[in-house]
N, C-alpha and C. Protein backbone atom coordinates (compact mmCIF):
# COMPACT_ATOMS: atom_id res chain seq x y z
N MET A 1 0.87 -1.31 -0.03
CA MET A 1 0.00 0.01 0.04
C MET A 1 0.79 1.40 0.06
N GLY A 2 1.86 1.23 0.77
CA GLY A 2 2.77 2.46 0.87
C GLY A 2 3.59 2.61 -0.52
N ARG A 3 3.89 1.53 -1.08
CA ARG A 3 4.52 1.58 -2.43
C ARG A 3 3.57 2.23 -3.43
N ARG A 4 2.32 1.87 -3.45
CA ARG A 4 1.33 2.63 -4.35
C ARG A 4 1.10 4.09 -3.99
N LEU A 5 1.19 4.29 -2.83
CA LEU A 5 0.95 5.71 -2.35
C LEU A 5 2.12 6.44 -2.86
N LEU A 6 3.46 6.07 -2.83
CA LEU A 6 4.51 6.58 -3.22
C LEU A 6 4.50 6.81 -4.78
N PHE A 7 4.04 5.75 -5.55
CA PHE A 7 4.07 5.99 -6.96
C PHE A 7 2.91 7.01 -7.28
N PHE A 8 1.81 7.10 -6.61
CA PHE A 8 0.84 8.11 -6.82
C PHE A 8 1.31 9.53 -6.46
N GLY A 9 2.01 9.54 -5.35
CA GLY A 9 2.65 10.96 -5.08
C GLY A 9 3.76 11.29 -6.09
N PHE A 10 4.42 10.42 -6.59
CA PHE A 10 5.36 10.82 -7.65
C PHE A 10 4.68 11.22 -8.93
N GLY A 11 3.59 10.46 -9.21
CA GLY A 11 3.00 10.75 -10.36
C GLY A 11 2.27 12.22 -10.37
N ALA A 12 1.72 12.51 -9.22
CA ALA A 12 1.03 13.74 -8.83
C ALA A 12 2.07 14.83 -8.98
N LEU A 13 3.29 14.70 -8.40
CA LEU A 13 4.43 15.84 -8.59
C LEU A 13 4.69 15.97 -9.98
N ILE A 14 4.72 14.86 -10.85
CA ILE A 14 5.10 15.12 -12.22
C ILE A 14 4.16 15.97 -12.89
N SER A 15 2.85 15.57 -12.60
CA SER A 15 1.74 16.24 -13.32
C SER A 15 1.76 17.72 -12.81
N ILE A 16 1.78 17.98 -11.69
CA ILE A 16 1.83 19.38 -11.17
C ILE A 16 2.94 20.17 -11.87
N SER A 17 4.22 19.57 -11.93
CA SER A 17 5.30 20.35 -12.57
C SER A 17 4.93 20.50 -14.11
N PHE A 18 4.34 19.58 -14.79
CA PHE A 18 4.04 19.76 -16.32
C PHE A 18 3.01 20.89 -16.36
N LEU A 19 2.02 20.91 -15.54
CA LEU A 19 1.00 21.85 -15.63
C LEU A 19 1.43 23.40 -15.20
N SER A 20 2.46 23.43 -14.47
CA SER A 20 3.01 24.76 -14.05
C SER A 20 4.00 25.24 -14.99
N LEU A 21 4.54 24.43 -15.97
CA LEU A 21 5.53 24.88 -16.95
C LEU A 21 4.80 25.58 -18.16
N GLY A 22 5.67 26.36 -18.74
CA GLY A 22 5.07 26.94 -19.94
C GLY A 22 4.81 28.47 -19.80
N PRO A 23 4.54 29.10 -20.84
CA PRO A 23 4.25 30.57 -20.93
C PRO A 23 3.05 31.01 -19.96
N GLU A 24 2.08 30.22 -20.00
CA GLU A 24 0.87 30.58 -19.24
C GLU A 24 0.85 29.34 -18.23
N ASN A 25 0.72 29.71 -17.01
CA ASN A 25 0.64 28.81 -15.88
C ASN A 25 -0.69 28.18 -15.70
N ARG A 26 -0.92 27.01 -16.41
CA ARG A 26 -2.16 26.23 -16.49
C ARG A 26 -2.67 25.94 -15.01
N LEU A 27 -1.77 25.55 -14.27
CA LEU A 27 -2.07 25.08 -12.78
C LEU A 27 -2.84 26.24 -12.07
N LYS A 28 -2.15 27.50 -12.11
CA LYS A 28 -2.71 28.67 -11.51
C LYS A 28 -3.94 29.07 -12.12
N SER A 29 -4.06 29.06 -13.46
CA SER A 29 -5.38 29.51 -14.04
C SER A 29 -6.51 28.48 -13.75
N THR A 30 -6.19 27.18 -13.78
CA THR A 30 -7.25 26.21 -13.46
C THR A 30 -7.71 26.23 -12.07
N PHE A 31 -6.63 26.74 -11.10
CA PHE A 31 -7.05 26.80 -9.66
C PHE A 31 -8.09 27.93 -9.50
N TYR A 32 -7.65 29.16 -10.18
CA TYR A 32 -8.49 30.33 -10.00
C TYR A 32 -9.81 30.07 -10.70
N GLU A 33 -9.92 29.38 -11.88
CA GLU A 33 -11.27 29.03 -12.49
C GLU A 33 -12.13 28.28 -11.53
N TYR A 34 -11.45 27.20 -10.81
CA TYR A 34 -12.21 26.34 -9.92
C TYR A 34 -12.67 27.24 -8.80
N VAL A 35 -11.80 27.93 -8.13
CA VAL A 35 -12.32 28.86 -7.05
C VAL A 35 -13.52 29.88 -7.48
N ASN A 36 -13.28 30.48 -8.63
CA ASN A 36 -14.26 31.43 -9.06
C ASN A 36 -15.48 30.78 -9.54
N TYR A 37 -15.48 29.49 -9.81
CA TYR A 37 -16.78 28.86 -10.18
C TYR A 37 -17.84 28.87 -9.12
N TYR A 38 -17.51 28.91 -7.72
CA TYR A 38 -18.28 29.07 -6.70
C TYR A 38 -18.54 30.44 -6.32
N ASN A 39 -18.00 31.44 -6.85
CA ASN A 39 -18.22 32.82 -6.55
C ASN A 39 -19.36 33.28 -7.36
N PRO A 40 -20.43 33.67 -6.77
CA PRO A 40 -21.57 34.15 -7.60
C PRO A 40 -21.20 35.60 -8.27
N GLU A 41 -20.27 36.38 -7.60
CA GLU A 41 -20.08 37.74 -8.31
C GLU A 41 -19.45 37.45 -9.71
N LYS A 42 -18.40 36.48 -9.84
CA LYS A 42 -17.70 36.20 -10.93
C LYS A 42 -18.65 35.48 -11.95
N ARG A 43 -19.67 34.75 -11.50
CA ARG A 43 -20.60 33.96 -12.34
C ARG A 43 -21.32 35.01 -13.08
N VAL A 44 -21.86 36.06 -12.33
CA VAL A 44 -22.77 36.98 -12.88
C VAL A 44 -21.98 37.78 -14.02
N VAL A 45 -20.91 38.23 -13.51
CA VAL A 45 -20.00 39.02 -14.64
C VAL A 45 -19.72 38.23 -15.79
N SER A 46 -19.38 36.87 -15.71
CA SER A 46 -19.07 36.21 -16.89
C SER A 46 -20.32 35.84 -17.65
N GLN A 47 -21.44 35.66 -17.05
CA GLN A 47 -22.70 35.47 -17.61
C GLN A 47 -23.16 36.69 -18.47
N LEU A 48 -22.87 37.85 -17.92
CA LEU A 48 -23.23 39.30 -18.67
C LEU A 48 -22.35 39.27 -19.88
N LEU A 49 -21.10 38.84 -19.88
CA LEU A 49 -20.09 39.14 -20.92
C LEU A 49 -20.02 37.90 -21.92
N GLN A 50 -20.96 36.98 -21.94
CA GLN A 50 -20.78 35.81 -22.87
C GLN A 50 -20.99 36.33 -24.27
N LYS A 51 -20.25 35.79 -25.21
CA LYS A 51 -20.38 36.26 -26.66
C LYS A 51 -21.69 35.98 -27.20
N GLU A 52 -22.36 35.02 -26.89
CA GLU A 52 -23.71 34.66 -27.42
C GLU A 52 -24.74 35.80 -27.27
N HIS A 53 -24.45 36.71 -26.32
CA HIS A 53 -25.45 37.94 -25.96
C HIS A 53 -25.27 39.03 -26.82
N ASP A 54 -26.24 39.82 -26.81
CA ASP A 54 -26.07 41.20 -27.46
C ASP A 54 -25.82 42.08 -26.30
N ILE A 55 -24.64 42.85 -26.44
CA ILE A 55 -24.19 43.61 -25.40
C ILE A 55 -24.39 45.14 -25.82
N ILE A 56 -24.99 45.95 -25.09
CA ILE A 56 -25.39 47.16 -25.49
C ILE A 56 -24.87 48.16 -24.37
N TYR A 57 -23.92 49.22 -24.76
CA TYR A 57 -23.46 50.15 -23.93
C TYR A 57 -24.28 51.46 -24.14
N THR A 58 -24.85 51.95 -23.14
CA THR A 58 -25.62 53.16 -23.27
C THR A 58 -24.93 54.46 -23.17
N ASN A 59 -24.23 54.58 -22.15
CA ASN A 59 -23.40 55.96 -21.96
C ASN A 59 -21.98 55.69 -21.85
N ASN A 60 -21.35 54.55 -21.61
CA ASN A 60 -19.91 54.42 -21.48
C ASN A 60 -19.51 53.56 -22.60
N ASP A 61 -18.27 53.53 -22.89
CA ASP A 61 -17.80 52.62 -23.97
C ASP A 61 -17.28 51.24 -23.46
N SER A 62 -16.96 50.44 -24.24
CA SER A 62 -16.66 48.96 -23.80
C SER A 62 -15.44 48.95 -22.90
N SER A 63 -14.57 49.74 -23.14
CA SER A 63 -13.41 49.73 -22.40
C SER A 63 -13.45 50.21 -20.87
N GLU A 64 -14.38 51.20 -20.73
CA GLU A 64 -14.70 51.70 -19.40
C GLU A 64 -15.55 50.55 -18.62
N ILE A 65 -16.42 49.93 -19.29
CA ILE A 65 -17.23 48.84 -18.73
C ILE A 65 -16.20 47.75 -18.36
N ALA A 66 -15.34 47.40 -19.29
CA ALA A 66 -14.37 46.25 -18.91
C ALA A 66 -13.56 46.56 -17.69
N ASN A 67 -13.13 47.77 -17.73
CA ASN A 67 -12.29 48.33 -16.64
C ASN A 67 -13.13 48.10 -15.17
N PHE A 68 -14.35 48.51 -15.40
CA PHE A 68 -15.19 48.51 -14.14
C PHE A 68 -15.43 47.14 -13.69
N LEU A 69 -15.66 46.20 -14.70
CA LEU A 69 -16.12 44.84 -14.25
C LEU A 69 -14.86 43.95 -13.68
N GLU A 70 -13.68 44.39 -13.82
CA GLU A 70 -12.50 43.85 -13.26
C GLU A 70 -12.56 44.02 -11.72
N GLY A 71 -12.86 43.10 -11.06
CA GLY A 71 -12.80 43.11 -9.60
C GLY A 71 -14.15 43.50 -8.93
N SER A 72 -15.28 43.68 -9.81
CA SER A 72 -16.45 44.22 -9.23
C SER A 72 -17.27 43.09 -8.58
N TRP A 73 -18.31 43.48 -7.65
CA TRP A 73 -19.08 42.51 -6.91
C TRP A 73 -20.48 42.88 -6.99
N VAL A 74 -21.37 41.96 -6.84
CA VAL A 74 -22.79 42.16 -6.83
C VAL A 74 -23.29 42.76 -5.61
N ASN A 75 -24.21 43.84 -5.80
CA ASN A 75 -24.90 44.57 -4.69
C ASN A 75 -26.18 43.70 -4.54
N HIS A 76 -26.12 42.76 -3.65
CA HIS A 76 -27.45 41.85 -3.41
C HIS A 76 -28.64 42.64 -3.07
N GLU A 77 -28.59 43.76 -2.38
CA GLU A 77 -29.62 44.55 -1.89
C GLU A 77 -30.46 45.24 -2.94
N LEU A 78 -29.57 45.71 -4.01
CA LEU A 78 -30.32 46.42 -4.99
C LEU A 78 -30.50 45.57 -6.30
N THR A 79 -30.09 44.34 -6.29
CA THR A 79 -30.32 43.47 -7.36
C THR A 79 -31.61 42.73 -7.49
N ASN A 80 -32.32 42.84 -8.50
CA ASN A 80 -33.61 42.25 -8.69
C ASN A 80 -33.59 41.18 -9.67
N LYS A 81 -33.44 39.81 -9.32
CA LYS A 81 -33.44 38.80 -10.35
C LYS A 81 -34.86 38.21 -10.64
N GLU A 82 -35.93 38.63 -9.84
CA GLU A 82 -37.17 38.23 -10.01
C GLU A 82 -37.91 39.00 -11.25
N SER A 83 -37.64 40.12 -11.43
CA SER A 83 -38.25 40.94 -12.42
C SER A 83 -37.69 40.58 -13.79
N TYR A 84 -38.46 41.20 -14.85
CA TYR A 84 -38.07 41.03 -16.19
C TYR A 84 -37.99 42.42 -16.80
N PRO A 85 -36.86 42.86 -17.22
CA PRO A 85 -35.60 42.25 -17.26
C PRO A 85 -35.14 42.10 -15.96
N GLN A 86 -34.18 41.26 -15.69
CA GLN A 86 -33.41 41.06 -14.46
C GLN A 86 -32.48 42.27 -14.36
N ILE A 87 -32.34 42.83 -13.02
CA ILE A 87 -31.60 44.04 -12.86
C ILE A 87 -30.28 43.61 -11.84
N PHE A 88 -29.24 43.83 -12.31
CA PHE A 88 -28.07 43.41 -11.68
C PHE A 88 -27.44 44.81 -11.36
N VAL A 89 -27.12 45.03 -10.06
CA VAL A 89 -26.31 46.15 -9.69
C VAL A 89 -24.90 45.67 -9.25
N LEU A 90 -23.94 46.23 -9.82
CA LEU A 90 -22.62 45.94 -9.45
C LEU A 90 -21.76 47.15 -8.93
N ASP A 91 -20.96 46.81 -7.98
CA ASP A 91 -20.18 47.91 -7.11
C ASP A 91 -18.80 47.47 -7.29
N ASN A 92 -18.03 48.57 -7.27
CA ASN A 92 -16.44 48.38 -7.58
C ASN A 92 -15.92 49.67 -7.02
N LEU A 93 -14.66 49.63 -6.73
CA LEU A 93 -13.68 50.72 -6.26
C LEU A 93 -12.71 50.82 -7.42
N VAL A 94 -13.13 51.90 -8.34
CA VAL A 94 -12.18 52.07 -9.49
C VAL A 94 -11.39 53.32 -9.16
N LYS A 95 -10.10 53.10 -9.19
CA LYS A 95 -9.17 54.24 -8.99
C LYS A 95 -9.49 54.94 -7.66
N GLU A 96 -9.73 54.12 -6.54
CA GLU A 96 -10.10 54.73 -5.33
C GLU A 96 -11.39 55.48 -5.28
N ILE A 97 -12.11 55.43 -6.33
CA ILE A 97 -13.49 56.14 -6.37
C ILE A 97 -14.64 55.08 -6.35
N PRO A 98 -15.44 55.12 -5.35
CA PRO A 98 -16.55 54.08 -5.34
C PRO A 98 -17.56 54.29 -6.43
N SER A 99 -17.89 53.22 -7.11
CA SER A 99 -18.64 53.28 -8.37
C SER A 99 -19.71 52.16 -8.39
N ARG A 100 -20.74 52.39 -9.10
CA ARG A 100 -21.78 51.41 -9.29
C ARG A 100 -22.36 51.42 -10.76
N LEU A 101 -22.62 50.33 -11.22
CA LEU A 101 -23.13 50.08 -12.57
C LEU A 101 -24.38 49.18 -12.52
N LYS A 102 -25.39 49.69 -13.28
CA LYS A 102 -26.63 49.05 -13.21
C LYS A 102 -26.70 48.32 -14.61
N VAL A 103 -27.14 47.07 -14.64
CA VAL A 103 -27.13 46.21 -15.86
C VAL A 103 -28.57 45.59 -15.91
N ARG A 104 -29.23 45.76 -17.14
CA ARG A 104 -30.41 45.19 -17.35
C ARG A 104 -30.18 43.87 -18.23
N PHE A 105 -30.61 42.74 -17.83
CA PHE A 105 -30.43 41.53 -18.48
C PHE A 105 -31.66 40.89 -18.99
N TYR A 106 -31.87 40.93 -20.37
CA TYR A 106 -33.01 40.26 -20.84
C TYR A 106 -32.64 38.93 -21.40
N ASN A 107 -33.15 37.94 -20.73
CA ASN A 107 -32.91 36.56 -21.02
C ASN A 107 -33.99 36.04 -21.99
N LYS A 108 -33.56 35.16 -22.93
CA LYS A 108 -34.46 34.44 -23.83
C LYS A 108 -35.41 35.37 -24.60
N GLU A 109 -34.94 36.44 -25.13
CA GLU A 109 -35.67 37.29 -26.10
C GLU A 109 -35.84 36.57 -27.44
N GLU A 110 -36.80 36.93 -28.17
CA GLU A 110 -37.03 36.25 -29.41
C GLU A 110 -36.76 37.26 -30.66
N ARG A 111 -36.21 36.76 -31.53
CA ARG A 111 -36.00 37.65 -32.81
C ARG A 111 -36.16 36.70 -33.98
N LYS A 112 -36.60 37.32 -35.00
CA LYS A 112 -36.83 36.49 -36.37
C LYS A 112 -35.55 36.65 -37.07
N SER A 113 -35.09 35.45 -37.52
CA SER A 113 -33.90 35.28 -38.34
C SER A 113 -34.10 34.36 -39.32
N GLU A 114 -33.97 34.74 -40.66
CA GLU A 114 -34.21 33.79 -41.78
C GLU A 114 -35.48 32.96 -41.61
N GLY A 115 -36.49 33.60 -41.23
CA GLY A 115 -37.90 32.97 -41.31
C GLY A 115 -38.04 32.12 -40.06
N GLU A 116 -37.12 32.06 -39.15
CA GLU A 116 -37.17 31.19 -37.94
C GLU A 116 -37.20 32.24 -36.65
N ARG A 117 -37.91 31.95 -35.77
CA ARG A 117 -37.78 32.59 -34.43
C ARG A 117 -36.67 32.05 -33.60
N LYS A 118 -35.68 32.81 -33.18
CA LYS A 118 -34.49 32.37 -32.49
C LYS A 118 -34.50 33.08 -31.10
N ARG A 119 -34.11 32.42 -30.03
CA ARG A 119 -33.99 33.05 -28.82
C ARG A 119 -32.53 33.47 -28.54
N TYR A 120 -32.33 34.57 -27.90
CA TYR A 120 -31.13 35.18 -27.62
C TYR A 120 -31.31 35.89 -26.41
N SER A 121 -30.05 36.40 -25.70
CA SER A 121 -29.98 37.28 -24.43
C SER A 121 -29.46 38.52 -24.71
N LYS A 122 -29.70 39.46 -24.02
CA LYS A 122 -29.28 40.70 -24.31
C LYS A 122 -28.83 41.49 -22.87
N ALA A 123 -27.78 42.15 -22.76
CA ALA A 123 -27.30 42.89 -21.60
C ALA A 123 -27.11 44.22 -22.05
N VAL A 124 -27.81 45.20 -21.09
CA VAL A 124 -27.82 46.64 -21.32
C VAL A 124 -27.04 47.14 -20.23
N PHE A 125 -25.77 47.65 -20.56
CA PHE A 125 -25.00 48.28 -19.46
C PHE A 125 -25.39 49.83 -19.42
N GLN A 126 -25.71 50.28 -18.33
CA GLN A 126 -26.18 51.69 -18.13
C GLN A 126 -25.15 52.51 -17.60
N GLU A 127 -25.22 53.70 -17.32
CA GLU A 127 -24.19 54.57 -16.86
C GLU A 127 -23.57 54.20 -15.58
N ILE A 128 -22.05 54.41 -15.50
CA ILE A 128 -21.41 54.12 -14.22
C ILE A 128 -21.51 55.26 -13.36
N GLU A 129 -22.19 55.03 -12.13
CA GLU A 129 -22.39 56.22 -11.06
C GLU A 129 -21.24 56.25 -10.25
N THR A 130 -20.85 57.30 -9.86
CA THR A 130 -19.67 57.46 -8.97
C THR A 130 -19.98 58.28 -7.66
N GLY A 131 -19.21 58.19 -6.69
CA GLY A 131 -19.41 58.95 -5.34
C GLY A 131 -20.69 58.35 -4.52
N ILE A 132 -20.84 57.00 -4.50
CA ILE A 132 -21.98 56.38 -3.84
C ILE A 132 -21.35 55.57 -2.72
N THR A 133 -22.26 55.18 -1.81
CA THR A 133 -21.75 54.21 -0.79
C THR A 133 -21.84 52.73 -1.23
N LEU A 134 -20.67 52.22 -1.16
CA LEU A 134 -20.48 50.75 -1.56
C LEU A 134 -21.26 49.77 -0.77
N SER A 135 -21.61 48.66 -1.36
CA SER A 135 -22.09 47.57 -0.42
C SER A 135 -20.88 46.64 0.01
N LYS A 136 -21.22 45.98 1.05
CA LYS A 136 -20.13 45.10 1.39
C LYS A 136 -19.97 43.83 0.60
N ARG A 137 -18.81 43.55 0.32
CA ARG A 137 -18.41 42.24 -0.58
C ARG A 137 -18.78 41.08 0.45
N SER A 138 -19.36 40.09 -0.29
CA SER A 138 -19.60 38.92 0.50
C SER A 138 -18.59 37.72 0.12
N TYR A 139 -18.14 37.23 1.19
CA TYR A 139 -17.01 36.15 1.03
C TYR A 139 -17.70 34.78 1.52
N LYS A 140 -19.03 34.66 1.39
CA LYS A 140 -19.80 33.46 1.79
C LYS A 140 -19.34 32.23 0.95
N SER A 141 -19.32 32.52 -0.39
CA SER A 141 -18.89 31.49 -1.19
C SER A 141 -17.55 30.96 -0.97
N TYR A 142 -16.59 31.70 -0.64
CA TYR A 142 -15.28 31.23 -0.35
C TYR A 142 -15.24 30.26 0.93
N TYR A 143 -15.97 30.79 1.92
CA TYR A 143 -16.15 30.13 3.32
C TYR A 143 -16.76 28.76 2.98
N SER A 144 -17.94 28.68 2.13
CA SER A 144 -18.56 27.47 1.82
C SER A 144 -17.48 26.48 1.07
N LEU A 145 -16.66 26.99 0.06
CA LEU A 145 -15.75 26.31 -0.62
C LEU A 145 -14.69 25.59 0.35
N ILE A 146 -14.16 26.38 1.28
CA ILE A 146 -13.30 25.79 2.30
C ILE A 146 -13.92 24.81 3.19
N GLY A 147 -15.27 25.03 3.55
CA GLY A 147 -16.04 24.01 4.22
C GLY A 147 -16.15 22.69 3.54
N ILE A 148 -16.53 22.88 2.34
CA ILE A 148 -16.61 21.56 1.45
C ILE A 148 -15.30 20.87 1.28
N PHE A 149 -14.23 21.59 1.03
CA PHE A 149 -12.87 20.96 1.02
C PHE A 149 -12.63 20.14 2.40
N PHE A 150 -12.79 20.85 3.49
CA PHE A 150 -12.66 20.09 4.80
C PHE A 150 -13.51 19.01 5.06
N LEU A 151 -14.89 19.12 4.69
CA LEU A 151 -15.74 18.03 4.75
C LEU A 151 -15.30 16.81 3.92
N ILE A 152 -14.71 16.95 2.89
CA ILE A 152 -14.17 15.84 1.98
C ILE A 152 -12.94 15.24 2.46
N MET A 153 -11.97 16.29 2.85
CA MET A 153 -10.50 15.96 3.06
C MET A 153 -10.34 15.28 4.34
N ILE A 154 -11.17 15.75 5.41
CA ILE A 154 -10.79 15.01 6.85
C ILE A 154 -11.25 13.66 6.86
N PRO A 155 -12.43 13.20 6.30
CA PRO A 155 -12.63 11.62 6.29
C PRO A 155 -11.69 11.02 5.54
N VAL A 156 -11.51 11.62 4.33
CA VAL A 156 -10.32 10.84 3.52
C VAL A 156 -9.04 10.64 3.99
N SER A 157 -8.49 11.65 4.82
CA SER A 157 -7.29 11.57 5.44
C SER A 157 -7.30 10.44 6.53
N LEU A 158 -8.49 10.44 7.34
CA LEU A 158 -8.51 9.40 8.29
C LEU A 158 -8.72 8.08 7.65
N LEU A 159 -9.38 7.81 6.64
CA LEU A 159 -9.41 6.60 5.83
C LEU A 159 -8.06 6.16 5.51
N VAL A 160 -7.44 7.00 4.75
CA VAL A 160 -5.94 6.62 4.42
C VAL A 160 -5.06 6.51 5.53
N ARG A 161 -5.24 6.99 6.62
CA ARG A 161 -4.30 6.77 7.74
C ARG A 161 -4.58 5.38 8.20
N LYS A 162 -6.03 5.08 8.30
CA LYS A 162 -6.39 3.69 8.80
C LYS A 162 -5.87 2.58 7.87
N LEU A 163 -5.90 2.82 6.47
CA LEU A 163 -5.45 1.90 5.56
C LEU A 163 -3.89 1.76 5.68
N ILE A 164 -3.27 2.69 5.88
CA ILE A 164 -1.80 2.69 6.06
C ILE A 164 -1.36 1.78 7.24
N LYS A 165 -2.14 2.17 8.44
CA LYS A 165 -1.88 1.36 9.56
C LYS A 165 -2.21 -0.10 9.42
N LYS A 166 -3.28 -0.52 8.74
CA LYS A 166 -3.61 -1.81 8.42
C LYS A 166 -2.56 -2.64 7.54
N SER A 167 -2.14 -1.86 6.53
CA SER A 167 -1.22 -2.53 5.59
C SER A 167 0.06 -2.68 6.21
N SER A 168 0.57 -1.84 7.20
CA SER A 168 1.84 -1.94 7.82
C SER A 168 1.88 -3.12 8.86
N SER A 169 0.67 -3.47 9.38
CA SER A 169 0.65 -4.51 10.54
C SER A 169 0.31 -5.92 9.90
């Protein structure tokens, strides 16, 4: 059993070294994508910026919006996901200035294209407001991810420890 564990550890080290080599650190980017998967703020921003959507900028250009979305979080008090269109309010601290962006998200709109009705989504980015009071950023998703990790790893480590003791005796 110990020999198998040694081979597994050696293989894991080789795979980690291959993943972290190269111009782009794939291990680091994969880790960040895994962590951000459970983060609702990142999921909302990535949902709004999907290429299948029609993206409309009303008062700001795309570079200003992209700058704002980097590191922004959802203001859950002002966000209304039950209405149509869904209204997402994003807060961010851009160049030490508290800012807010309101986004209207139209999901499953219909449009006639080549004689067929096709569904699409549309995100309308409205003007960036400055000089407002920011909402508190929620870290609940990170805490739940750590909790899930410990919930899985503690029994696994106890089981492995028990198996190692059994095989050595």
